[in-house]
Amino acid sequence: KDTVEVYEFDENSKSLTKLKSISSKYYINSNDIVAID
């Protein structure tokens, strides 16, 4: 069962913050992501 984890990276503080986790019944054999916005 795959999920997509969304993070935000702050270049000034060099910190990584998790924003959310996205799941779906369609998320199997997931491979690559491309962001639109």
All heavy atoms as atom14 arrays in JSON, in Angstrom:
{
  "sequence": "KDTVEVYEFDENSKSLTKLKSISSKYYINSNDIVAID",
  "atom14_mask": [
    [1, 1, 1, 1, 1, 1, 1, 1, 1, 0, 0, 0, 0, 0],
    [1, 1, 1, 1, 1, 1, 1, 1, 0, 0, 0, 0, 0, 0],
    [1, 1, 1, 1, 1, 1, 1, 0, 0, 0, 0, 0, 0, 0],
    [1, 1, 1, 1, 1, 1, 1, 0, 0, 0, 0, 0, 0, 0],
    [1, 1, 1, 1, 1, 1, 1, 1, 1, 0, 0, 0, 0, 0],
    [1, 1, 1, 1, 1, 1, 1, 0, 0, 0, 0, 0, 0, 0],
    [1, 1, 1, 1, 1, 1, 1, 1, 1, 1, 1, 1, 0, 0],
    [1, 1, 1, 1, 1, 1, 1, 1, 1, 0, 0, 0, 0, 0],
    [1, 1, 1, 1, 1, 1, 1, 1, 1, 1, 1, 0, 0, 0],
    [1, 1, 1, 1, 1, 1, 1, 1, 0, 0, 0, 0, 0, 0],
    [1, 1, 1, 1, 1, 1, 1, 1, 1, 0, 0, 0, 0, 0],
    [1, 1, 1, 1, 1, 1, 1, 1, 0, 0, 0, 0, 0, 0],
    [1, 1, 1, 1, 1, 1, 0, 0, 0, 0, 0, 0, 0, 0],
    [1, 1, 1, 1, 1, 1, 1, 1, 1, 0, 0, 0, 0, 0],
    [1, 1, 1, 1, 1, 1, 0, 0, 0, 0, 0, 0, 0, 0],
    [1, 1, 1, 1, 1, 1, 1, 1, 0, 0, 0, 0, 0, 0],
    [1, 1, 1, 1, 1, 1, 1, 0, 0, 0, 0, 0, 0, 0],
    [1, 1, 1, 1, 1, 1, 1, 1, 1, 0, 0, 0, 0, 0],
    [1, 1, 1, 1, 1, 1, 1, 1, 0, 0, 0, 0, 0, 0],
    [1, 1, 1, 1, 1, 1, 1, 1, 1, 0, 0, 0, 0, 0],
    [1, 1, 1, 1, 1, 1, 0, 0, 0, 0, 0, 0, 0, 0],
    [1, 1, 1, 1, 1, 1, 1, 1, 0, 0, 0, 0, 0, 0],
    [1, 1, 1, 1, 1, 1, 0, 0, 0, 0, 0, 0, 0, 0],
    [1, 1, 1, 1, 1, 1, 0, 0, 0, 0, 0, 0, 0, 0],
    [1, 1, 1, 1, 1, 1, 1, 1, 1, 0, 0, 0, 0, 0],
    [1, 1, 1, 1, 1, 1, 1, 1, 1, 1, 1, 1, 0, 0],
    [1, 1, 1, 1, 1, 1, 1, 1, 1, 1, 1, 1, 0, 0],
    [1, 1, 1, 1, 1, 1, 1, 1, 0, 0, 0, 0, 0, 0],
    [1, 1, 1, 1, 1, 1, 1, 1, 0, 0, 0, 0, 0, 0],
    [1, 1, 1, 1, 1, 1, 0, 0, 0, 0, 0, 0, 0, 0],
    [1, 1, 1, 1, 1, 1, 1, 1, 0, 0, 0, 0, 0, 0],
    [1, 1, 1, 1, 1, 1, 1, 1, 0, 0, 0, 0, 0, 0],
    [1, 1, 1, 1, 1, 1, 1, 1, 0, 0, 0, 0, 0, 0],
    [1, 1, 1, 1, 1, 1, 1, 0, 0, 0, 0, 0, 0, 0],
    [1, 1, 1, 1, 1, 0, 0, 0, 0, 0, 0, 0, 0, 0],
    [1, 1, 1, 1, 1, 1, 1, 1, 0, 0, 0, 0, 0, 0],
    [1, 1, 1, 1, 1, 1, 1, 1, 0, 0, 0, 0, 0, 0]
  ],
  "atom14_positions": [
    [[0.86, -1.18, 0.0], [0.0, 0.0, 0.0], [0.9, 1.24, 0.0], [1.61, 1.5, 0.96], [-0.92, 0.0, 1.21], [-1.93, -1.14, 1.21], [-2.85, -1.06, 2.42], [-3.87, -2.19, 2.41], [-4.78, -2.14, 3.58], [0.0, 0.0, 0.0], [0.0, 0.0, 0.0], [0.0, 0.0, 0.0], [0.0, 0.0, 0.0], [0.0, 0.0, 0.0]],
    [[0.85, 1.98, -1.07], [1.7, 3.15, -1.21], [1.03, 4.4, -0.66], [-0.2, 4.53, -0.67], [2.05, 3.4, -2.67], [2.74, 2.21, -3.32], [3.38, 1.43, -2.58], [2.65, 2.07, -4.55], [0.0, 0.0, 0.0], [0.0, 0.0, 0.0], [0.0, 0.0, 0.0], [0.0, 0.0, 0.0], [0.0, 0.0, 0.0], [0.0, 0.0, 0.0]],
    [[1.86, 5.32, -0.22], [1.39, 6.65, 0.15], [2.33, 7.67, -0.5], [3.46, 7.35, -0.87], [1.37, 6.88, 1.67], [2.7, 6.69, 2.19], [0.41, 5.91, 2.36], [0.0, 0.0, 0.0], [0.0, 0.0, 0.0], [0.0, 0.0, 0.0], [0.0, 0.0, 0.0], [0.0, 0.0, 0.0], [0.0, 0.0, 0.0], [0.0, 0.0, 0.0]],
    [[1.83, 8.89, -0.63], [2.67, 10.0, -1.07], [2.88, 10.91, 0.12], [1.91, 11.42, 0.7], [2.02, 10.76, -2.24], [2.82, 12.02, -2.56], [1.92, 9.87, -3.47], [0.0, 0.0, 0.0], [0.0, 0.0, 0.0], [0.0, 0.0, 0.0], [0.0, 0.0, 0.0], [0.0, 0.0, 0.0], [0.0, 0.0, 0.0], [0.0, 0.0, 0.0]],
    [[4.14, 11.09, 0.49], [4.49, 11.94, 1.62], [4.94, 13.3, 1.08], [5.77, 13.37, 0.18], [5.61, 11.31, 2.45], [5.36, 9.86, 2.84], [4.15, 9.67, 3.73], [3.83, 10.62, 4.5], [3.52, 8.6, 3.68], [0.0, 0.0, 0.0], [0.0, 0.0, 0.0], [0.0, 0.0, 0.0], [0.0, 0.0, 0.0], [0.0, 0.0, 0.0]],
    [[4.38, 14.36, 1.62], [4.68, 15.71, 1.14], [5.48, 16.45, 2.22], [5.05, 16.52, 3.38], [3.39, 16.48, 0.81], [3.73, 17.82, 0.17], [2.48, 15.67, -0.1], [0.0, 0.0, 0.0], [0.0, 0.0, 0.0], [0.0, 0.0, 0.0], [0.0, 0.0, 0.0], [0.0, 0.0, 0.0], [0.0, 0.0, 0.0], [0.0, 0.0, 0.0]],
    [[6.62, 17.0, 1.81], [7.51, 17.7, 2.73], [7.8, 19.1, 2.21], [7.64, 19.39, 1.03], [8.84, 16.96, 2.88], [8.72, 15.56, 3.44], [8.54, 14.48, 2.58], [8.81, 15.33, 4.8], [8.44, 13.19, 3.08], [8.72, 14.04, 5.32], [8.53, 12.98, 4.45], [8.43, 11.7, 4.94], [0.0, 0.0, 0.0], [0.0, 0.0, 0.0]],
    [[8.26, 19.94, 3.13], [8.72, 21.28, 2.78], [10.12, 21.48, 3.34], [10.38, 21.2, 4.51], [7.77, 22.33, 3.36], [8.03, 23.74, 2.85], [6.93, 24.69, 3.3], [6.93, 25.05, 4.49], [6.07, 25.06, 2.47], [0.0, 0.0, 0.0], [0.0, 0.0, 0.0], [0.0, 0.0, 0.0], [0.0, 0.0, 0.0], [0.0, 0.0, 0.0]],
    [[11.02, 21.94, 2.46], [12.41, 22.14, 2.86], [12.71, 23.62, 2.92], [12.5, 24.36, 1.96], [13.35, 21.46, 1.87], [14.8, 21.64, 2.18], [15.36, 21.05, 3.3], [15.61, 22.43, 1.37], [16.71, 21.21, 3.6], [16.95, 22.61, 1.65], [17.51, 22.0, 2.77], [0.0, 0.0, 0.0], [0.0, 0.0, 0.0], [0.0, 0.0, 0.0]],
    [[13.19, 24.05, 4.08], [13.58, 25.44, 4.29], [15.09, 25.55, 4.07], [15.88, 24.98, 4.84], [13.21, 25.89, 5.7], [13.37, 27.39, 5.89], [14.41, 27.93, 5.47], [12.46, 28.02, 6.46], [0.0, 0.0, 0.0], [0.0, 0.0, 0.0], [0.0, 0.0, 0.0], [0.0, 0.0, 0.0], [0.0, 0.0, 0.0], [0.0, 0.0, 0.0]],
    [[15.49, 26.26, 3.01], [16.91, 26.36, 2.68], [17.7, 27.18, 3.69], [18.91, 26.99, 3.84], [17.07, 26.96, 1.28], [16.52, 26.08, 0.18], [16.5, 26.79, -1.17], [15.59, 27.62, -1.37], [17.39, 26.5, -1.99], [0.0, 0.0, 0.0], [0.0, 0.0, 0.0], [0.0, 0.0, 0.0], [0.0, 0.0, 0.0], [0.0, 0.0, 0.0]],
    [[17.03, 28.08, 4.38], [17.74, 28.91, 5.36], [18.08, 28.13, 6.62], [19.22, 28.13, 7.08], [16.89, 30.14, 5.72], [16.71, 31.08, 4.54], [17.65, 31.3, 3.76], [15.52, 31.63, 4.39], [0.0, 0.0, 0.0], [0.0, 0.0, 0.0], [0.0, 0.0, 0.0], [0.0, 0.0, 0.0], [0.0, 0.0, 0.0], [0.0, 0.0, 0.0]],
    [[17.08, 27.43, 7.16], [17.31, 26.67, 8.39], [17.75, 25.24, 8.11], [18.09, 24.5, 9.03], [16.02, 26.63, 9.22], [14.98, 25.94, 8.52], [0.0, 0.0, 0.0], [0.0, 0.0, 0.0], [0.0, 0.0, 0.0], [0.0, 0.0, 0.0], [0.0, 0.0, 0.0], [0.0, 0.0, 0.0], [0.0, 0.0, 0.0], [0.0, 0.0, 0.0]],
    [[17.74, 24.84, 6.82], [18.08, 23.47, 6.41], [17.2, 22.43, 7.12], [17.62, 21.34, 7.44], [19.56, 23.15, 6.72], [20.55, 24.15, 6.14], [20.46, 24.23, 4.63], [21.48, 25.21, 4.06], [21.37, 25.38, 2.6], [0.0, 0.0, 0.0], [0.0, 0.0, 0.0], [0.0, 0.0, 0.0], [0.0, 0.0, 0.0], [0.0, 0.0, 0.0]],
    [[15.94, 22.81, 7.32], [15.02, 21.92, 8.02], [13.98, 21.34, 7.05], [13.59, 21.99, 6.07], [14.31, 22.66, 9.15], [13.55, 23.74, 8.64], [0.0, 0.0, 0.0], [0.0, 0.0, 0.0], [0.0, 0.0, 0.0], [0.0, 0.0, 0.0], [0.0, 0.0, 0.0], [0.0, 0.0, 0.0], [0.0, 0.0, 0.0], [0.0, 0.0, 0.0]],
    [[13.53, 20.14, 7.35], [12.53, 19.44, 6.56], [11.29, 19.24, 7.41], [11.36, 18.67, 8.5], [13.07, 18.09, 6.08], [12.27, 17.34, 5.03], [12.28, 18.07, 3.7], [12.84, 15.93, 4.85], [0.0, 0.0, 0.0], [0.0, 0.0, 0.0], [0.0, 0.0, 0.0], [0.0, 0.0, 0.0], [0.0, 0.0, 0.0], [0.0, 0.0, 0.0]],
    [[10.16, 19.71, 6.9], [8.9, 19.61, 7.64], [7.89, 18.79, 6.84], [7.67, 19.06, 5.65], [8.3, 21.0, 7.91], [9.25, 21.79, 8.62], [7.01, 20.89, 8.7], [0.0, 0.0, 0.0], [0.0, 0.0, 0.0], [0.0, 0.0, 0.0], [0.0, 0.0, 0.0], [0.0, 0.0, 0.0], [0.0, 0.0, 0.0], [0.0, 0.0, 0.0]],
    [[7.3, 17.79, 7.48], [6.28, 17.01, 6.8], [4.96, 17.77, 6.82], [4.5, 18.23, 7.87], [6.1, 15.65, 7.47], [5.08, 14.76, 6.78], [5.03, 13.37, 7.39], [3.97, 12.51, 6.71], [3.92, 11.14, 7.26], [0.0, 0.0, 0.0], [0.0, 0.0, 0.0], [0.0, 0.0, 0.0], [0.0, 0.0, 0.0], [0.0, 0.0, 0.0]],
    [[4.34, 17.91, 5.64], [3.09, 18.63, 5.53], [1.89, 17.7, 5.6], [0.92, 17.99, 6.29], [3.05, 19.42, 4.21], [4.16, 20.45, 4.0], [3.99, 21.14, 2.66], [4.16, 21.47, 5.13], [0.0, 0.0, 0.0], [0.0, 0.0, 0.0], [0.0, 0.0, 0.0], [0.0, 0.0, 0.0], [0.0, 0.0, 0.0], [0.0, 0.0, 0.0]],
    [[1.94, 16.58, 4.87], [0.83, 15.64, 4.91], [1.2, 14.34, 4.24], [2.22, 14.23, 3.55], [-0.41, 16.23, 4.24], [-0.24, 16.62, 2.78], [-1.54, 17.24, 2.24], [-1.36, 17.8, 0.85], [-2.62, 18.4, 0.33], [0.0, 0.0, 0.0], [0.0, 0.0, 0.0], [0.0, 0.0, 0.0], [0.0, 0.0, 0.0], [0.0, 0.0, 0.0]],
    [[0.36, 13.34, 4.46], [0.49, 12.04, 3.82], [-0.79, 11.77, 3.04], [-1.9, 11.96, 3.56], [0.71, 10.94, 4.87], [0.81, 9.67, 4.27], [0.0, 0.0, 0.0], [0.0, 0.0, 0.0], [0.0, 0.0, 0.0], [0.0, 0.0, 0.0], [0.0, 0.0, 0.0], [0.0, 0.0, 0.0], [0.0, 0.0, 0.0], [0.0, 0.0, 0.0]],
    [[-0.65, 11.34, 1.78], [-1.81, 11.13, 0.91], [-1.9, 9.66, 0.56], [-0.91, 9.04, 0.15], [-1.69, 11.96, -0.38], [-1.51, 13.44, -0.04], [-2.91, 11.77, -1.27], [-1.1, 14.29, -1.23], [0.0, 0.0, 0.0], [0.0, 0.0, 0.0], [0.0, 0.0, 0.0], [0.0, 0.0, 0.0], [0.0, 0.0, 0.0], [0.0, 0.0, 0.0]],
    [[-3.07, 9.06, 0.73], [-3.27, 7.65, 0.43], [-4.51, 7.48, -0.45], [-5.37, 8.35, -0.52], [-3.43, 6.83, 1.72], [-4.56, 7.28, 2.46], [0.0, 0.0, 0.0], [0.0, 0.0, 0.0], [0.0, 0.0, 0.0], [0.0, 0.0, 0.0], [0.0, 0.0, 0.0], [0.0, 0.0, 0.0], [0.0, 0.0, 0.0], [0.0, 0.0, 0.0]],
    [[-4.57, 6.35, -1.14], [-5.69, 6.07, -2.03], [-5.7, 4.58, -2.37], [-4.66, 3.93, -2.38], [-5.56, 6.89, -3.32], [-6.48, 6.46, -4.31], [0.0, 0.0, 0.0], [0.0, 0.0, 0.0], [0.0, 0.0, 0.0], [0.0, 0.0, 0.0], [0.0, 0.0, 0.0], [0.0, 0.0, 0.0], [0.0, 0.0, 0.0], [0.0, 0.0, 0.0]],
    [[-6.88, 4.07, -2.69], [-6.98, 2.68, -3.15], [-6.26, 2.5, -4.49], [-5.91, 1.38, -4.86], [-8.44, 2.29, -3.3], [-9.21, 3.08, -4.37], [-10.66, 2.65, -4.46], [-11.41, 3.44, -5.53], [-12.84, 3.02, -5.63], [0.0, 0.0, 0.0], [0.0, 0.0, 0.0], [0.0, 0.0, 0.0], [0.0, 0.0, 0.0], [0.0, 0.0, 0.0]],
    [[-6.05, 3.58, -5.21], [-5.37, 3.51, -6.5], [-3.84, 3.48, -6.35], [-3.13, 3.2, -7.32], [-5.74, 4.71, -7.37], [-7.2, 4.8, -7.7], [-7.93, 5.94, -7.35], [-7.86, 3.77, -8.35], [-9.28, 6.04, -7.65], [-9.21, 3.86, -8.66], [-9.91, 5.01, -8.3], [-11.24, 5.11, -8.6], [0.0, 0.0, 0.0], [0.0, 0.0, 0.0]],
    [[-3.34, 3.77, -5.17], [-1.9, 3.88, -4.99], [-1.26, 2.51, -4.79], [-0.94, 2.09, -3.66], [-1.58, 4.82, -3.83], [-1.7, 6.29, -4.19], [-2.13, 6.69, -5.44], [-1.37, 7.28, -3.28], [-2.26, 8.03, -5.78], [-1.48, 8.63, -3.6], [-1.92, 8.99, -4.85], [-2.03, 10.32, -5.19], [0.0, 0.0, 0.0], [0.0, 0.0, 0.0]],
    [[-1.07, 1.8, -5.9], [-0.32, 0.54, -5.93], [0.72, 0.65, -7.04], [0.54, 1.39, -8.01], [-1.24, -0.67, -6.19], [-1.93, -0.56, -7.56], [-2.25, -0.84, -5.07], [-2.65, -1.81, -8.01], [0.0, 0.0, 0.0], [0.0, 0.0, 0.0], [0.0, 0.0, 0.0], [0.0, 0.0, 0.0], [0.0, 0.0, 0.0], [0.0, 0.0, 0.0]],
    [[1.84, -0.06, -6.88], [2.9, -0.05, -7.88], [3.26, 1.38, -8.31], [3.54, 1.65, -9.48], [2.48, -0.85, -9.12], [2.1, -2.28, -8.78], [2.82, -2.97, -8.07], [0.95, -2.73, -9.26], [0.0, 0.0, 0.0], [0.0, 0.0, 0.0], [0.0, 0.0, 0.0], [0.0, 0.0, 0.0], [0.0, 0.0, 0.0], [0.0, 0.0, 0.0]],
    [[3.26, 2.27, -7.35], [3.53, 3.69, -7.65], [5.0, 3.86, -8.0], [5.88, 3.22, -7.42], [3.17, 4.55, -6.44], [1.83, 4.33, -6.05], [0.0, 0.0, 0.0], [0.0, 0.0, 0.0], [0.0, 0.0, 0.0], [0.0, 0.0, 0.0], [0.0, 0.0, 0.0], [0.0, 0.0, 0.0], [0.0, 0.0, 0.0], [0.0, 0.0, 0.0]],
    [[5.25, 4.76, -8.95], [6.62, 4.87, -9.46], [7.18, 6.28, -9.36], [8.07, 6.54, -8.58], [6.66, 4.36, -10.9], [8.05, 3.97, -11.35], [8.98, 4.74, -11.21], [8.2, 2.76, -11.87], [0.0, 0.0, 0.0], [0.0, 0.0, 0.0], [0.0, 0.0, 0.0], [0.0, 0.0, 0.0], [0.0, 0.0, 0.0], [0.0, 0.0, 0.0]],
    [[6.66, 7.22, -10.14], [7.27, 8.55, -10.18], [6.2, 9.63, -10.16], [5.08, 9.44, -10.66], [8.14, 8.69, -11.43], [9.08, 9.88, -11.35], [9.36, 10.35, -10.23], [9.54, 10.34, -12.41], [0.0, 0.0, 0.0], [0.0, 0.0, 0.0], [0.0, 0.0, 0.0], [0.0, 0.0, 0.0], [0.0, 0.0, 0.0], [0.0, 0.0, 0.0]],
    [[6.57, 10.78, -9.6], [5.65, 11.91, -9.41], [6.15, 13.12, -10.2], [7.36, 13.37, -10.27], [5.56, 12.3, -7.93], [4.89, 11.19, -7.11], [4.77, 13.6, -7.74], [4.92, 11.46, -5.62], [0.0, 0.0, 0.0], [0.0, 0.0, 0.0], [0.0, 0.0, 0.0], [0.0, 0.0, 0.0], [0.0, 0.0, 0.0], [0.0, 0.0, 0.0]],
    [[5.21, 13.88, -10.77], [5.55, 15.19, -11.31], [4.54, 16.2, -10.77], [3.34, 15.99, -10.83], [5.57, 15.19, -12.85], [4.21, 14.85, -13.44], [6.06, 16.54, -13.38], [0.0, 0.0, 0.0], [0.0, 0.0, 0.0], [0.0, 0.0, 0.0], [0.0, 0.0, 0.0], [0.0, 0.0, 0.0], [0.0, 0.0, 0.0], [0.0, 0.0, 0.0]],
    [[5.06, 17.28, -10.2], [4.2, 18.31, -9.62], [3.77, 19.3, -10.69], [4.54, 19.68, -11.56], [4.93, 19.04, -8.5], [0.0, 0.0, 0.0], [0.0, 0.0, 0.0], [0.0, 0.0, 0.0], [0.0, 0.0, 0.0], [0.0, 0.0, 0.0], [0.0, 0.0, 0.0], [0.0, 0.0, 0.0], [0.0, 0.0, 0.0], [0.0, 0.0, 0.0]],
    [[2.51, 19.72, -10.61], [1.98, 20.74, -11.51], [2.02, 22.11, -10.83], [2.33, 23.12, -11.45], [0.53, 20.39, -11.92], [0.49, 19.02, -12.6], [-0.04, 21.47, -12.85], [1.4, 18.89, -13.8], [0.0, 0.0, 0.0], [0.0, 0.0, 0.0], [0.0, 0.0, 0.0], [0.0, 0.0, 0.0], [0.0, 0.0, 0.0], [0.0, 0.0, 0.0]],
    [[1.7, 22.13, -9.55], [1.82, 23.34, -8.75], [2.02, 22.93, -7.29], [2.46, 21.8, -7.03], [0.59, 24.25, -8.93], [-0.74, 23.55, -8.64], [-0.76, 22.59, -7.84], [-1.76, 23.96, -9.23], [0.0, 0.0, 0.0], [0.0, 0.0, 0.0], [0.0, 0.0, 0.0], [0.0, 0.0, 0.0], [0.0, 0.0, 0.0], [0.0, 0.0, 0.0]]
  ]
}
